[in-house]
Amino acid sequence: MKKFFITLLFFIILAGAIVFFGWAQLGIPPDAYGIIQSKTHGLYPHLVQPGEFQWIWYKVIPTNTMTTVIRLNPVNYNFTAENTLPSGKVYSTFAGIDEDVFFWRINAAISFTISPDALIPLFSANTIRSQEELTRYEKDITEQIEGFILRCIQQEDNSIQIETLLKEGENPWFEREILKQFPYLSDFSLKIKSAKFPDFLLYRQTKGLFETYIAAQKAYATGDVRERAKNRIDSMLRFDELELYGALLTKYPILLEYLSLENGKK
């Protein structure tokens, strides 16, 4: 009986050790995520998340697996930018007004975190392999977001959205567009901390006048070209007709005498 209990205790300890060493969260702090690679099975396709029990049998094999610990901290970034509204210089020159009327300046703040769902794809693509590489990736994404925001502001079709952003300090439209462009982000926000406003009303009026002027110029140019083309065609037809008469008179000189007689009768 004693031997039986010793054997049972041994197997209980062995089972406990197997469960313990195969426990995916082993060695991962509660505020972090884990990415597991193994020599026998490669990249483990599931992210090891806090509060979620996972057991991987091949973790039991000594030195078979390596766990990369990743912390997803919020990224906060401030930037300042200034420019004129799209085609503002053209419109101000057209209207004969100061270009500064369409000038804007912003001091903005963006914040986001990398979505946990993005870690395995990014790791698989060798984009990140450590916490340091994640930090560099976040910095690169931040610069790309800033560039995307500034490009959106400089597109004429977005003038209403720009006005909302500058006047209200935020605009959900911008956040939706950024999340479409950067799907690996979560908890994204864009806030305007301070801004110099352009004259949006004058901008829209000047833009409308400019577009009307350009449309009129195109219509005039199109009509002028059409008229010149018609005159050219008429000239070419007349030239072809004269060329035909010349060939006939050269081939049949008697026609010249006949035409002379006809003119004499008249």
C-alpha atoms as a PDB file:
ATOM      1  CA  MET A   1       0.000   0.000   0.000  1.00  0.00           C
ATOM      2  CA  LYS A   2       2.817   2.368   0.872  1.00  0.00           C
ATOM      3  CA  LYS A   3       4.456   1.673  -2.481  1.00  0.00           C
ATOM      4  CA  PHE A   4       1.157   2.405  -4.223  1.00  0.00           C
ATOM      5  CA  PHE A   5       0.846   5.827  -2.561  1.00  0.00           C
ATOM      6  CA  ILE A   6       4.452   6.658  -3.404  1.00  0.00           C
ATOM      7  CA  THR A   7       3.815   5.736  -7.039  1.00  0.00           C
ATOM      8  CA  LEU A   8       0.576   7.744  -7.071  1.00  0.00           C
ATOM      9  CA  LEU A   9       2.320  10.745  -5.538  1.00  0.00           C
ATOM     10  CA  PHE A  10       5.074  10.453  -8.131  1.00  0.00           C
ATOM     11  CA  PHE A  11       2.580  10.524 -11.002  1.00  0.00           C
ATOM     12  CA  ILE A  12       0.692  13.427  -9.428  1.00  0.00           C
ATOM     13  CA  ILE A  13       3.925  15.413  -9.146  1.00  0.00           C
ATOM     14  CA  LEU A  14       4.882  14.432 -12.706  1.00  0.00           C
ATOM     15  CA  ALA A  15       1.451  15.483 -14.030  1.00  0.00           C
ATOM     16  CA  GLY A  16       1.702  18.748 -12.130  1.00  0.00           C
ATOM     17  CA  ALA A  17       5.154  19.396 -13.573  1.00  0.00           C
ATOM     18  CA  ILE A  18       3.896  18.684 -17.100  1.00  0.00           C
ATOM     19  CA  VAL A  19       0.950  21.045 -16.639  1.00  0.00           C
ATOM     20  CA  PHE A  20       3.194  23.677 -15.077  1.00  0.00           C
ATOM     21  CA  PHE A  21       5.919  23.634 -17.746  1.00  0.00           C
ATOM     22  CA  GLY A  22       3.356  23.450 -20.561  1.00  0.00           C
ATOM     23  CA  TRP A  23       1.452  26.425 -19.190  1.00  0.00           C
ATOM     24  CA  ALA A  24       1.678  29.121 -21.885  1.00  0.00           C
ATOM     25  CA  GLN A  25       1.596  32.045 -19.419  1.00  0.00           C
ATOM     26  CA  LEU A  26       4.652  30.791 -17.562  1.00  0.00           C
ATOM     27  CA  GLY A  27       7.188  33.617 -17.299  1.00  0.00           C
ATOM     28  CA  ILE A  28       4.820  36.257 -18.748  1.00  0.00           C
ATOM     29  CA  PRO A  29       3.889  39.160 -16.425  1.00  0.00           C
ATOM     30  CA  PRO A  30       0.156  39.803 -15.973  1.00  0.00           C
ATOM     31  CA  ASP A  31       0.383  43.165 -17.807  1.00  0.00           C
ATOM     32  CA  ALA A  32       2.106  41.732 -20.893  1.00  0.00           C
ATOM     33  CA  TYR A  33       1.515  39.483 -23.885  1.00  0.00           C
ATOM     34  CA  GLY A  34       3.526  36.489 -24.995  1.00  0.00           C
ATOM     35  CA  ILE A  35       4.569  35.248 -28.424  1.00  0.00           C
ATOM     36  CA  ILE A  36       5.868  31.681 -28.431  1.00  0.00           C
ATOM     37  CA  GLN A  37       8.210  30.087 -30.943  1.00  0.00           C
ATOM     38  CA  SER A  38       9.390  26.506 -30.895  1.00  0.00           C
ATOM     39  CA  LYS A  39      12.056  24.487 -32.673  1.00  0.00           C
ATOM     40  CA  THR A  40       9.559  21.735 -33.469  1.00  0.00           C
ATOM     41  CA  HIS A  41       6.453  23.726 -34.431  1.00  0.00           C
ATOM     42  CA  GLY A  42       7.644  27.215 -35.344  1.00  0.00           C
ATOM     43  CA  LEU A  43       5.501  30.223 -34.410  1.00  0.00           C
ATOM     44  CA  TYR A  44       2.602  29.453 -32.083  1.00  0.00           C
ATOM     45  CA  PRO A  45      -0.419  30.957 -33.930  1.00  0.00           C
ATOM     46  CA  HIS A  46      -2.208  32.265 -30.841  1.00  0.00           C
ATOM     47  CA  LEU A  47      -1.225  35.239 -28.734  1.00  0.00           C
ATOM     48  CA  VAL A  48      -0.739  34.452 -25.051  1.00  0.00           C
ATOM     49  CA  GLN A  49      -2.975  36.978 -23.293  1.00  0.00           C
ATOM     50  CA  PRO A  50      -3.391  37.943 -19.628  1.00  0.00           C
ATOM     51  CA  GLY A  51      -6.110  36.017 -17.808  1.00  0.00           C
ATOM     52  CA  GLU A  52      -6.486  33.384 -20.516  1.00  0.00           C
ATOM     53  CA  PHE A  53      -5.329  29.845 -19.775  1.00  0.00           C
ATOM     54  CA  GLN A  54      -3.442  28.062 -22.556  1.00  0.00           C
ATOM     55  CA  TRP A  55      -1.454  24.859 -22.392  1.00  0.00           C
ATOM     56  CA  ILE A  56       1.061  23.836 -25.058  1.00  0.00           C
ATOM     57  CA  TRP A  57       2.362  20.317 -24.856  1.00  0.00           C
ATOM     58  CA  TYR A  58       5.629  20.946 -26.694  1.00  0.00           C
ATOM     59  CA  LYS A  59       6.598  23.597 -24.142  1.00  0.00           C
ATOM     60  CA  VAL A  60       7.338  20.664 -21.853  1.00  0.00           C
ATOM     61  CA  ILE A  61      10.305  19.702 -24.045  1.00  0.00           C
ATOM     62  CA  PRO A  62      13.419  21.366 -22.534  1.00  0.00           C
ATOM     63  CA  THR A  63      14.887  24.266 -24.592  1.00  0.00           C
ATOM     64  CA  ASN A  64      12.273  23.694 -27.317  1.00  0.00           C
ATOM     65  CA  THR A  65      10.447  27.000 -26.989  1.00  0.00           C
ATOM     66  CA  MET A  66      11.272  30.681 -26.622  1.00  0.00           C
ATOM     67  CA  THR A  67       8.763  33.250 -25.369  1.00  0.00           C
ATOM     68  CA  THR A  68       8.936  36.909 -26.386  1.00  0.00           C
ATOM     69  CA  VAL A  69       7.275  39.220 -23.866  1.00  0.00           C
ATOM     70  CA  ILE A  70       5.562  42.298 -25.324  1.00  0.00           C
ATOM     71  CA  ARG A  71       3.920  45.174 -23.463  1.00  0.00           C
ATOM     72  CA  LEU A  72       1.423  47.321 -25.368  1.00  0.00           C
ATOM     73  CA  ASN A  73       1.742  50.759 -23.849  1.00  0.00           C
ATOM     74  CA  PRO A  74      -0.272  53.772 -25.075  1.00  0.00           C
ATOM     75  CA  VAL A  75       1.557  55.950 -27.596  1.00  0.00           C
ATOM     76  CA  ASN A  76       1.133  59.725 -27.167  1.00  0.00           C
ATOM     77  CA  TYR A  77       2.481  62.156 -29.722  1.00  0.00           C
ATOM     78  CA  ASN A  78       2.175  65.919 -30.238  1.00  0.00           C
ATOM     79  CA  PHE A  79       2.888  67.715 -33.495  1.00  0.00           C
ATOM     80  CA  THR A  80       2.559  71.187 -34.983  1.00  0.00           C
ATOM     81  CA  ALA A  81       1.846  71.936 -38.630  1.00  0.00           C
ATOM     82  CA  GLU A  82       0.888  74.941 -40.754  1.00  0.00           C
ATOM     83  CA  ASN A  83      -0.067  75.622 -44.363  1.00  0.00           C
ATOM     84  CA  THR A  84      -2.746  77.243 -46.479  1.00  0.00           C
ATOM     85  CA  LEU A  85      -6.019  75.550 -47.363  1.00  0.00           C
ATOM     86  CA  PRO A  86      -5.927  73.445 -50.561  1.00  0.00           C
ATOM     87  CA  SER A  87      -5.158  75.712 -53.572  1.00  0.00           C
ATOM     88  CA  GLY A  88      -5.379  78.668 -51.177  1.00  0.00           C
ATOM     89  CA  LYS A  89      -2.570  80.551 -52.941  1.00  0.00           C
ATOM     90  CA  VAL A  90      -4.290  80.131 -56.321  1.00  0.00           C
ATOM     91  CA  TYR A  91      -7.635  81.325 -54.982  1.00  0.00           C
ATOM     92  CA  SER A  92      -6.152  84.290 -53.116  1.00  0.00           C
ATOM     93  CA  THR A  93      -4.242  85.391 -56.242  1.00  0.00           C
ATOM     94  CA  PHE A  94      -7.399  85.042 -58.337  1.00  0.00           C
ATOM     95  CA  ALA A  95      -9.433  87.129 -55.867  1.00  0.00           C
ATOM     96  CA  GLY A  96      -6.659  89.647 -55.241  1.00  0.00           C
ATOM     97  CA  ILE A  97      -6.672  89.086 -51.476  1.00  0.00           C
ATOM     98  CA  ASP A  98      -3.979  88.336 -48.908  1.00  0.00           C
ATOM     99  CA  GLU A  99      -2.870  84.681 -48.901  1.00  0.00           C
ATOM    100  CA  ASP A 100      -2.855  84.694 -45.075  1.00  0.00           C
ATOM    101  CA  VAL A 101      -6.662  84.711 -45.128  1.00  0.00           C
ATOM    102  CA  PHE A 102      -6.509  80.980 -46.016  1.00  0.00           C
ATOM    103  CA  PHE A 103      -3.610  80.150 -43.694  1.00  0.00           C
ATOM    104  CA  TRP A 104      -4.008  77.607 -40.874  1.00  0.00           C
ATOM    105  CA  ARG A 105      -1.841  76.371 -38.008  1.00  0.00           C
ATOM    106  CA  ILE A 106      -2.533  73.494 -35.618  1.00  0.00           C
ATOM    107  CA  ASN A 107      -1.038  72.027 -32.488  1.00  0.00           C
ATOM    108  CA  ALA A 108      -2.430  68.491 -32.328  1.00  0.00           C
ATOM    109  CA  ALA A 109      -2.136  65.396 -30.160  1.00  0.00           C
ATOM    110  CA  ILE A 110      -2.646  61.816 -31.252  1.00  0.00           C
ATOM    111  CA  SER A 111      -2.777  58.718 -29.081  1.00  0.00           C
ATOM    112  CA  PHE A 112      -3.215  55.025 -29.808  1.00  0.00           C
ATOM    113  CA  THR A 113      -2.111  51.529 -28.910  1.00  0.00           C
ATOM    114  CA  ILE A 114      -1.152  48.692 -31.189  1.00  0.00           C
ATOM    115  CA  SER A 115      -3.995  46.180 -31.241  1.00  0.00           C
ATOM    116  CA  PRO A 116      -3.129  42.835 -29.568  1.00  0.00           C
ATOM    117  CA  ASP A 117      -4.563  41.092 -32.651  1.00  0.00           C
ATOM    118  CA  ALA A 118      -1.772  42.673 -34.711  1.00  0.00           C
ATOM    119  CA  LEU A 119       1.112  41.145 -32.755  1.00  0.00           C
ATOM    120  CA  ILE A 120       1.133  37.671 -34.329  1.00  0.00           C
ATOM    121  CA  PRO A 121       0.863  38.996 -37.938  1.00  0.00           C
ATOM    122  CA  LEU A 122       3.579  41.588 -37.270  1.00  0.00           C
ATOM    123  CA  PHE A 123       5.795  38.978 -35.640  1.00  0.00           C
ATOM    124  CA  SER A 124       5.175  36.518 -38.468  1.00  0.00           C
ATOM    125  CA  ALA A 125       6.135  39.150 -41.054  1.00  0.00           C
ATOM    126  CA  ASN A 126       9.368  39.870 -39.112  1.00  0.00           C
ATOM    127  CA  THR A 127       8.201  43.456 -38.581  1.00  0.00           C
ATOM    128  CA  ILE A 128       8.746  43.186 -34.838  1.00  0.00           C
ATOM    129  CA  ARG A 129      10.740  40.632 -32.832  1.00  0.00           C
ATOM    130  CA  SER A 130      11.221  42.416 -29.513  1.00  0.00           C
ATOM    131  CA  GLN A 131       9.929  45.243 -27.336  1.00  0.00           C
ATOM    132  CA  GLU A 132      12.594  47.543 -28.811  1.00  0.00           C
ATOM    133  CA  GLU A 133      11.472  46.762 -32.354  1.00  0.00           C
ATOM    134  CA  LEU A 134       7.862  47.398 -31.336  1.00  0.00           C
ATOM    135  CA  THR A 135       8.891  50.831 -30.059  1.00  0.00           C
ATOM    136  CA  ARG A 136      10.562  51.614 -33.394  1.00  0.00           C
ATOM    137  CA  TYR A 137       7.485  50.373 -35.234  1.00  0.00           C
ATOM    138  CA  GLU A 138       5.234  52.621 -33.131  1.00  0.00           C
ATOM    139  CA  LYS A 139       7.460  55.613 -33.916  1.00  0.00           C
ATOM    140  CA  ASP A 140       7.290  54.832 -37.636  1.00  0.00           C
ATOM    141  CA  ILE A 141       3.497  54.448 -37.515  1.00  0.00           C
ATOM    142  CA  THR A 142       3.199  57.763 -35.644  1.00  0.00           C
ATOM    143  CA  GLU A 143       5.092  59.588 -38.407  1.00  0.00           C
ATOM    144  CA  GLN A 144       2.942  57.911 -41.055  1.00  0.00           C
ATOM    145  CA  ILE A 145      -0.238  58.978 -39.228  1.00  0.00           C
ATOM    146  CA  GLU A 146       0.967  62.576 -39.045  1.00  0.00           C
ATOM    147  CA  GLY A 147       1.707  62.542 -42.779  1.00  0.00           C
ATOM    148  CA  PHE A 148      -1.696  61.021 -43.535  1.00  0.00           C
ATOM    149  CA  ILE A 149      -3.502  63.690 -41.486  1.00  0.00           C
ATOM    150  CA  LEU A 150      -1.656  66.503 -43.259  1.00  0.00           C
ATOM    151  CA  ARG A 151      -2.409  64.983 -46.679  1.00  0.00           C
ATOM    152  CA  CYS A 152      -6.098  64.771 -45.761  1.00  0.00           C
ATOM    153  CA  ILE A 153      -6.087  68.429 -44.726  1.00  0.00           C
ATOM    154  CA  GLN A 154      -4.579  69.422 -48.084  1.00  0.00           C
ATOM    155  CA  GLN A 155      -7.258  67.666 -50.168  1.00  0.00           C
ATOM    156  CA  GLU A 156      -9.932  70.052 -51.422  1.00  0.00           C
ATOM    157  CA  ASP A 157     -12.714  67.477 -51.093  1.00  0.00           C
ATOM    158  CA  ASN A 158     -12.148  67.415 -47.323  1.00  0.00           C
ATOM    159  CA  SER A 159     -12.649  71.136 -46.656  1.00  0.00           C
ATOM    160  CA  ILE A 160     -15.846  70.604 -44.618  1.00  0.00           C
ATOM    161  CA  GLN A 161     -14.155  67.923 -42.506  1.00  0.00           C
ATOM    162  CA  ILE A 162     -11.144  70.211 -41.966  1.00  0.00           C
ATOM    163  CA  GLU A 163     -13.405  73.030 -40.782  1.00  0.00           C
ATOM    164  CA  THR A 164     -15.106  70.696 -38.289  1.00  0.00           C
ATOM    165  CA  LEU A 165     -11.752  69.453 -36.995  1.00  0.00           C
ATOM    166  CA  LEU A 166     -10.264  72.911 -36.508  1.00  0.00           C
ATOM    167  CA  LYS A 167     -13.371  74.474 -34.961  1.00  0.00           C
ATOM    168  CA  GLU A 168     -14.437  71.623 -32.679  1.00  0.00           C
ATOM    169  CA  GLY A 169     -10.993  70.220 -31.874  1.00  0.00           C
ATOM    170  CA  GLU A 170     -11.880  66.715 -33.051  1.00  0.00           C
ATOM    171  CA  ASN A 171     -13.680  64.974 -35.874  1.00  0.00           C
ATOM    172  CA  PRO A 172     -14.723  61.287 -35.875  1.00  0.00           C
ATOM    173  CA  TRP A 173     -14.376  61.267 -39.671  1.00  0.00           C
ATOM    174  CA  PHE A 174     -10.611  61.676 -39.390  1.00  0.00           C
ATOM    175  CA  GLU A 175     -10.409  58.895 -36.810  1.00  0.00           C
ATOM    176  CA  ARG A 176     -12.385  56.515 -39.044  1.00  0.00           C
ATOM    177  CA  GLU A 177     -10.198  57.289 -42.062  1.00  0.00           C
ATOM    178  CA  ILE A 178      -7.022  56.743 -40.045  1.00  0.00           C
ATOM    179  CA  LEU A 179      -8.253  53.400 -38.685  1.00  0.00           C
ATOM    180  CA  LYS A 180      -9.062  52.323 -42.262  1.00  0.00           C
ATOM    181  CA  GLN A 181      -5.522  53.217 -43.292  1.00  0.00           C
ATOM    182  CA  PHE A 182      -3.906  51.722 -40.177  1.00  0.00           C
ATOM    183  CA  PRO A 183      -6.056  48.733 -39.108  1.00  0.00           C
ATOM    184  CA  TYR A 184      -3.495  47.558 -36.517  1.00  0.00           C
ATOM    185  CA  LEU A 185      -4.377  50.460 -34.207  1.00  0.00           C
ATOM    186  CA  SER A 186      -6.847  50.572 -31.335  1.00  0.00           C
ATOM    187  CA  ASP A 187      -8.071  53.334 -28.996  1.00  0.00           C
ATOM    188  CA  PHE A 188      -7.032  55.980 -31.519  1.00  0.00           C
ATOM    189  CA  SER A 189      -7.794  59.642 -30.905  1.00  0.00           C
ATOM    190  CA  LEU A 190      -6.899  62.917 -32.614  1.00  0.00           C
ATOM    191  CA  LYS A 191      -7.303  66.153 -30.645  1.00  0.00           C
ATOM    192  CA  ILE A 192      -6.559  69.712 -31.748  1.00  0.00           C
ATOM    193  CA  LYS A 193      -5.050  71.492 -28.761  1.00  0.00           C
ATOM    194  CA  SER A 194      -4.831  74.916 -30.418  1.00  0.00           C
ATOM    195  CA  ALA A 195      -5.425  76.252 -33.913  1.00  0.00           C
ATOM    196  CA  LYS A 196      -5.337  79.363 -36.100  1.00  0.00           C
ATOM    197  CA  PHE A 197      -8.453  79.378 -38.255  1.00  0.00           C
ATOM    198  CA  PRO A 198      -8.615  80.415 -41.895  1.00  0.00           C
ATOM    199  CA  ASP A 199     -11.666  82.230 -43.293  1.00  0.00           C
ATOM    200  CA  PHE A 200     -13.655  79.197 -44.422  1.00  0.00           C
ATOM    201  CA  LEU A 201     -16.632  81.202 -45.726  1.00  0.00           C
ATOM    202  CA  LEU A 202     -14.465  83.425 -47.925  1.00  0.00           C
ATOM    203  CA  TYR A 203     -12.532  80.325 -49.038  1.00  0.00           C
ATOM    204  CA  ARG A 204     -15.688  78.573 -50.249  1.00  0.00           C
ATOM    205  CA  GLN A 205     -16.955  81.694 -52.012  1.00  0.00           C
ATOM    206  CA  THR A 206     -13.631  82.301 -53.758  1.00  0.00           C
ATOM    207  CA  LYS A 207     -13.357  78.640 -54.712  1.00  0.00           C
ATOM    208  CA  GLY A 208     -16.863  78.758 -56.231  1.00  0.00           C
ATOM    209  CA  LEU A 209     -16.055  81.901 -58.261  1.00  0.00           C
ATOM    210  CA  PHE A 210     -12.791  80.383 -59.459  1.00  0.00           C
ATOM    211  CA  GLU A 211     -14.499  77.164 -60.575  1.00  0.00           C
ATOM    212  CA  THR A 212     -17.182  79.182 -62.408  1.00  0.00           C
ATOM    213  CA  TYR A 213     -14.485  81.228 -64.144  1.00  0.00           C
ATOM    214  CA  ILE A 214     -12.563  78.113 -65.205  1.00  0.00           C
ATOM    215  CA  ALA A 215     -15.747  76.465 -66.519  1.00  0.00           C
ATOM    216  CA  ALA A 216     -16.539  79.577 -68.599  1.00  0.00           C
ATOM    217  CA  GLN A 217     -12.995  79.633 -69.984  1.00  0.00           C
ATOM    218  CA  LYS A 218     -13.246  75.971 -70.964  1.00  0.00           C
ATOM    219  CA  ALA A 219     -16.583  76.544 -72.682  1.00  0.00           C
ATOM    220  CA  TYR A 220     -15.196  79.513 -74.620  1.00  0.00           C
ATOM    221  CA  ALA A 221     -12.046  77.614 -75.601  1.00  0.00           C
ATOM    222  CA  THR A 222     -14.054  74.578 -76.700  1.00  0.00           C
ATOM    223  CA  GLY A 223     -16.348  76.717 -78.885  1.00  0.00           C
ATOM    224  CA  ASP A 224     -13.406  78.594 -80.413  1.00  0.00           C
ATOM    225  CA  VAL A 225     -11.592  75.354 -81.222  1.00  0.00           C
ATOM    226  CA  ARG A 226     -14.746  73.885 -82.764  1.00  0.00           C
ATOM    227  CA  GLU A 227     -15.202  76.953 -85.009  1.00  0.00           C
ATOM    228  CA  ARG A 228     -11.572  76.901 -86.132  1.00  0.00           C
ATOM    229  CA  ALA A 229     -11.825  73.198 -86.881  1.00  0.00           C
ATOM    230  CA  LYS A 230     -14.941  73.803 -89.032  1.00  0.00           C
ATOM    231  CA  ASN A 231     -13.198  76.579 -90.984  1.00  0.00           C
ATOM    232  CA  ARG A 232     -10.184  74.353 -91.534  1.00  0.00           C
ATOM    233  CA  ILE A 233     -12.368  71.526 -92.850  1.00  0.00           C
ATOM    234  CA  ASP A 234     -14.184  73.921 -95.200  1.00  0.00           C
ATOM    235  CA  SER A 235     -10.835  75.210 -96.471  1.00  0.00           C
ATOM    236  CA  MET A 236      -9.561  71.691 -97.073  1.00  0.00           C
ATOM    237  CA  LEU A 237     -12.736  70.732 -98.972  1.00  0.00           C
ATOM    238  CA  ARG A 238     -12.446  73.886-101.094  1.00  0.00           C
ATOM    239  CA  PHE A 239      -8.791  73.101-101.785  1.00  0.00           C
ATOM    240  CA  ASP A 240      -9.658  69.538-102.810  1.00  0.00           C
ATOM    241  CA  GLU A 241     -12.353  70.905-105.140  1.00  0.00           C
ATOM    242  CA  LEU A 242      -9.943  73.321-106.802  1.00  0.00           C
ATOM    243  CA  GLU A 243      -7.335  70.600-107.110  1.00  0.00           C
ATOM    244  CA  LEU A 244      -9.908  68.408-108.904  1.00  0.00           C
ATOM    245  CA  TYR A 245     -10.782  71.253-111.321  1.00  0.00           C
ATOM    246  CA  GLY A 246      -7.098  71.767-112.057  1.00  0.00           C
ATOM    247  CA  ALA A 247      -6.588  68.085-112.841  1.00  0.00           C
ATOM    248  CA  LEU A 248      -9.615  68.072-115.201  1.00  0.00           C
ATOM    249  CA  LEU A 249      -8.468  71.177-117.092  1.00  0.00           C
ATOM    250  CA  THR A 250      -4.978  69.745-117.427  1.00  0.00           C
ATOM    251  CA  LYS A 251      -6.339  66.480-118.828  1.00  0.00           C
ATOM    252  CA  TYR A 252      -9.032  68.087-121.008  1.00  0.00           C
ATOM    253  CA  PRO A 253      -7.819  71.565-122.190  1.00  0.00           C
ATOM    254  CA  ILE A 254     -10.906  71.874-124.407  1.00  0.00           C
ATOM    255  CA  LEU A 255     -12.937  72.389-121.229  1.00  0.00           C
ATOM    256  CA  LEU A 256     -11.145  75.707-120.762  1.00  0.00           C
ATOM    257  CA  GLU A 257     -12.315  76.883-124.171  1.00  0.00           C
ATOM    258  CA  TYR A 258     -15.826  75.681-123.385  1.00  0.00           C
ATOM    259  CA  LEU A 259     -15.914  77.538-120.102  1.00  0.00           C
ATOM    260  CA  SER A 260     -14.623  80.691-121.863  1.00  0.00           C
ATOM    261  CA  LEU A 261     -17.409  80.430-124.412  1.00  0.00           C
ATOM    262  CA  GLU A 262     -19.984  79.939-121.674  1.00  0.00           C
ATOM    263  CA  ASN A 263     -18.733  82.989-119.788  1.00  0.00           C
ATOM    264  CA  GLY A 264     -18.834  84.982-123.050  1.00  0.00           C
ATOM    265  CA  LYS A 265     -22.451  84.086-123.593  1.00  0.00           C
ATOM    266  CA  LYS A 266     -23.277  85.336-120.128  1.00  0.00           C
END
